[in-house]
Amino acid sequence: MEDTIKALKDFICTNIIAENIEIDSNTILKDIGVDSFSIIEIVLFIERKFGKLIPDHLLVPETFATLRSIAEVIQQIEE
């Protein structure tokens, strides 16, 4: 799961948030400016990077609360 968190962090730091913002696996993403448009970018990244489609019932705010919560959903999909 740590590799997934790192990939998500790299993507978000490079493409979504300002470069001076530090995040870790438990940072609340909405508190650092990750909005609904950013979530769409993250979903598309997950599809490209991991080849995983997030089911509709998991496209909820709780899924995208933190890097860890996103990684947990990706892991669930893999099982």
N, C-alpha and C. Protein backbone atom coordinates (compact mmCIF):
# COMPACT_ATOMS: atom_id res chain seq x y z
N MET A 1 0.82 -1.20 0.00
CA MET A 1 0.00 0.00 0.00
C MET A 1 0.86 1.26 0.00
N GLU A 2 2.04 1.19 0.57
CA GLU A 2 2.91 2.37 0.62
C GLU A 2 3.32 2.84 -0.78
N ASP A 3 3.52 1.90 -1.71
CA ASP A 3 3.84 2.29 -3.08
C ASP A 3 2.68 3.04 -3.72
N THR A 4 1.46 2.60 -3.44
CA THR A 4 0.27 3.27 -3.96
C THR A 4 0.16 4.67 -3.40
N ILE A 5 0.37 4.81 -2.10
CA ILE A 5 0.32 6.12 -1.46
C ILE A 5 1.37 7.05 -2.06
N LYS A 6 2.57 6.54 -2.28
CA LYS A 6 3.63 7.35 -2.86
C LYS A 6 3.26 7.81 -4.27
N ALA A 7 2.71 6.92 -5.09
CA ALA A 7 2.31 7.29 -6.45
C ALA A 7 1.22 8.36 -6.41
N LEU A 8 0.24 8.20 -5.52
CA LEU A 8 -0.82 9.20 -5.39
C LEU A 8 -0.25 10.54 -4.92
N LYS A 9 0.63 10.49 -3.94
CA LYS A 9 1.24 11.71 -3.42
C LYS A 9 2.02 12.43 -4.51
N ASP A 10 2.82 11.69 -5.26
CA ASP A 10 3.60 12.30 -6.33
C ASP A 10 2.70 12.98 -7.35
N PHE A 11 1.61 12.29 -7.73
CA PHE A 11 0.67 12.85 -8.70
C PHE A 11 0.03 14.13 -8.17
N ILE A 12 -0.48 14.07 -6.95
CA ILE A 12 -1.18 15.22 -6.37
C ILE A 12 -0.23 16.39 -6.17
N CYS A 13 0.97 16.13 -5.69
CA CYS A 13 1.95 17.20 -5.47
C CYS A 13 2.39 17.84 -6.79
N THR A 14 2.49 17.05 -7.83
CA THR A 14 2.96 17.54 -9.12
C THR A 14 1.85 18.24 -9.91
N ASN A 15 0.62 17.75 -9.80
CA ASN A 15 -0.44 18.19 -10.70
C ASN A 15 -1.58 18.98 -10.07
N ILE A 16 -1.72 18.93 -8.75
CA ILE A 16 -2.94 19.50 -8.16
C ILE A 16 -2.67 20.60 -7.15
N ILE A 17 -1.79 20.36 -6.20
CA ILE A 17 -1.60 21.35 -5.13
C ILE A 17 -0.37 22.21 -5.38
N ALA A 18 -0.31 23.33 -4.68
CA ALA A 18 0.85 24.22 -4.79
C ALA A 18 2.09 23.52 -4.28
N GLU A 19 3.23 23.86 -4.86
CA GLU A 19 4.46 23.13 -4.55
C GLU A 19 4.95 23.30 -3.12
N ASN A 20 4.53 24.34 -2.44
CA ASN A 20 5.01 24.57 -1.07
C ASN A 20 4.16 23.84 -0.02
N ILE A 21 3.15 23.09 -0.44
CA ILE A 21 2.29 22.37 0.50
C ILE A 21 2.84 20.97 0.73
N GLU A 22 3.03 20.63 2.00
CA GLU A 22 3.51 19.30 2.38
C GLU A 22 2.33 18.44 2.77
N ILE A 23 2.32 17.20 2.28
CA ILE A 23 1.25 16.28 2.66
C ILE A 23 1.83 14.93 3.06
N ASP A 24 1.05 14.21 3.86
CA ASP A 24 1.41 12.83 4.18
C ASP A 24 0.17 11.97 3.97
N SER A 25 0.24 10.72 4.31
CA SER A 25 -0.84 9.79 3.99
C SER A 25 -2.15 10.10 4.71
N ASN A 26 -2.10 10.89 5.77
CA ASN A 26 -3.30 11.20 6.55
C ASN A 26 -3.76 12.65 6.44
N THR A 27 -3.13 13.43 5.58
CA THR A 27 -3.55 14.81 5.36
C THR A 27 -4.96 14.83 4.77
N ILE A 28 -5.82 15.66 5.32
CA ILE A 28 -7.18 15.82 4.78
C ILE A 28 -7.06 16.61 3.48
N LEU A 29 -7.35 15.96 2.36
CA LEU A 29 -7.09 16.56 1.06
C LEU A 29 -7.93 17.80 0.79
N LYS A 30 -9.19 17.83 1.25
CA LYS A 30 -10.00 19.02 1.00
C LYS A 30 -9.44 20.24 1.73
N ASP A 31 -8.74 20.02 2.83
CA ASP A 31 -8.15 21.12 3.59
C ASP A 31 -6.98 21.78 2.87
N ILE A 32 -6.41 21.08 1.87
CA ILE A 32 -5.29 21.66 1.13
C ILE A 32 -5.69 22.04 -0.29
N GLY A 33 -7.00 22.11 -0.53
CA GLY A 33 -7.49 22.61 -1.80
C GLY A 33 -7.86 21.59 -2.85
N VAL A 34 -7.92 20.31 -2.48
CA VAL A 34 -8.35 19.30 -3.44
C VAL A 34 -9.88 19.38 -3.51
N ASP A 35 -10.37 19.77 -4.71
CA ASP A 35 -11.82 19.95 -4.89
C ASP A 35 -12.38 18.88 -5.82
N SER A 36 -13.63 19.03 -6.19
CA SER A 36 -14.29 18.01 -7.02
C SER A 36 -13.62 17.86 -8.38
N PHE A 37 -13.13 18.95 -8.96
CA PHE A 37 -12.42 18.84 -10.23
C PHE A 37 -11.11 18.07 -10.06
N SER A 38 -10.46 18.29 -8.95
CA SER A 38 -9.22 17.56 -8.65
C SER A 38 -9.50 16.07 -8.46
N ILE A 39 -10.63 15.76 -7.84
CA ILE A 39 -11.00 14.35 -7.63
C ILE A 39 -11.14 13.64 -8.97
N ILE A 40 -11.73 14.32 -9.95
CA ILE A 40 -11.87 13.72 -11.28
C ILE A 40 -10.49 13.41 -11.85
N GLU A 41 -9.54 14.33 -11.69
CA GLU A 41 -8.17 14.10 -12.14
C GLU A 41 -7.56 12.89 -11.44
N ILE A 42 -7.80 12.77 -10.14
CA ILE A 42 -7.27 11.64 -9.37
C ILE A 42 -7.88 10.33 -9.85
N VAL A 43 -9.19 10.32 -10.10
CA VAL A 43 -9.86 9.11 -10.60
C VAL A 43 -9.26 8.70 -11.94
N LEU A 44 -9.05 9.66 -12.83
CA LEU A 44 -8.46 9.35 -14.13
C LEU A 44 -7.03 8.84 -13.97
N PHE A 45 -6.28 9.42 -13.05
CA PHE A 45 -4.92 8.95 -12.76
C PHE A 45 -4.95 7.49 -12.29
N ILE A 46 -5.87 7.16 -11.39
CA ILE A 46 -5.98 5.79 -10.88
C ILE A 46 -6.29 4.82 -12.03
N GLU A 47 -7.18 5.23 -12.92
CA GLU A 47 -7.52 4.37 -14.05
C GLU A 47 -6.30 4.12 -14.94
N ARG A 48 -5.54 5.18 -15.20
CA ARG A 48 -4.35 5.04 -16.06
C ARG A 48 -3.22 4.28 -15.36
N LYS A 49 -2.92 4.68 -14.15
CA LYS A 49 -1.76 4.13 -13.43
C LYS A 49 -1.97 2.69 -12.96
N PHE A 50 -3.15 2.43 -12.40
CA PHE A 50 -3.39 1.14 -11.77
C PHE A 50 -4.34 0.26 -12.57
N GLY A 51 -4.93 0.80 -13.62
CA GLY A 51 -5.88 0.03 -14.41
C GLY A 51 -7.12 -0.36 -13.63
N LYS A 52 -7.50 0.47 -12.67
CA LYS A 52 -8.63 0.18 -11.80
C LYS A 52 -9.73 1.21 -12.00
N LEU A 53 -10.96 0.72 -12.16
CA LEU A 53 -12.12 1.60 -12.20
C LEU A 53 -12.74 1.62 -10.81
N ILE A 54 -12.94 2.79 -10.27
CA ILE A 54 -13.56 2.89 -8.95
C ILE A 54 -15.07 2.76 -9.15
N PRO A 55 -15.70 1.76 -8.53
CA PRO A 55 -17.14 1.58 -8.68
C PRO A 55 -17.92 2.81 -8.19
N ASP A 56 -19.08 3.01 -8.79
CA ASP A 56 -19.90 4.18 -8.45
C ASP A 56 -20.16 4.32 -6.95
N HIS A 57 -20.43 3.20 -6.29
CA HIS A 57 -20.76 3.28 -4.87
C HIS A 57 -19.58 3.73 -4.00
N LEU A 58 -18.36 3.73 -4.57
CA LEU A 58 -17.19 4.20 -3.82
C LEU A 58 -16.76 5.61 -4.23
N LEU A 59 -17.50 6.22 -5.15
CA LEU A 59 -17.20 7.59 -5.57
C LEU A 59 -17.89 8.56 -4.61
N VAL A 60 -17.42 8.54 -3.38
CA VAL A 60 -17.98 9.36 -2.30
C VAL A 60 -16.85 10.12 -1.62
N PRO A 61 -17.19 11.22 -0.93
CA PRO A 61 -16.15 12.03 -0.30
C PRO A 61 -15.23 11.25 0.63
N GLU A 62 -15.76 10.27 1.35
CA GLU A 62 -14.94 9.50 2.29
C GLU A 62 -13.79 8.77 1.59
N THR A 63 -14.04 8.33 0.37
CA THR A 63 -12.99 7.63 -0.40
C THR A 63 -11.81 8.54 -0.64
N PHE A 64 -12.08 9.82 -0.90
CA PHE A 64 -11.04 10.76 -1.29
C PHE A 64 -10.64 11.71 -0.17
N ALA A 65 -10.82 11.28 1.07
CA ALA A 65 -10.49 12.12 2.22
C ALA A 65 -8.98 12.29 2.39
N THR A 66 -8.24 11.19 2.25
CA THR A 66 -6.79 11.20 2.46
C THR A 66 -6.13 10.29 1.43
N LEU A 67 -4.82 10.38 1.32
CA LEU A 67 -4.10 9.45 0.45
C LEU A 67 -4.32 8.01 0.90
N ARG A 68 -4.33 7.80 2.20
CA ARG A 68 -4.52 6.45 2.74
C ARG A 68 -5.90 5.91 2.38
N SER A 69 -6.94 6.73 2.49
CA SER A 69 -8.29 6.24 2.17
C SER A 69 -8.41 5.89 0.69
N ILE A 70 -7.77 6.66 -0.16
CA ILE A 70 -7.78 6.35 -1.59
C ILE A 70 -7.04 5.03 -1.84
N ALA A 71 -5.87 4.89 -1.24
CA ALA A 71 -5.07 3.66 -1.42
C ALA A 71 -5.82 2.44 -0.92
N GLU A 72 -6.56 2.57 0.18
CA GLU A 72 -7.33 1.45 0.71
C GLU A 72 -8.40 1.01 -0.28
N VAL A 73 -9.05 1.97 -0.94
CA VAL A 73 -10.07 1.64 -1.93
C VAL A 73 -9.41 0.94 -3.13
N ILE A 74 -8.28 1.44 -3.58
CA ILE A 74 -7.57 0.80 -4.70
C ILE A 74 -7.23 -0.64 -4.33
N GLN A 75 -6.77 -0.84 -3.10
CA GLN A 75 -6.42 -2.19 -2.66
C GLN A 75 -7.66 -3.10 -2.62
N GLN A 76 -8.79 -2.57 -2.17
CA GLN A 76 -10.03 -3.35 -2.13
C GLN A 76 -10.43 -3.79 -3.53
N ILE A 77 -10.27 -2.91 -4.49
CA ILE A 77 -10.64 -3.22 -5.87
C ILE A 77 -9.76 -4.34 -6.41
N GLU A 78 -8.51 -4.38 -5.99
CA GLU A 78 -7.55 -5.38 -6.47
C GLU A 78 -7.87 -6.77 -5.95
N GLU A 79 -8.54 -6.85 -4.82
CA GLU A 79 -8.78 -8.15 -4.18
C GLU A 79 -9.88 -8.91 -4.87
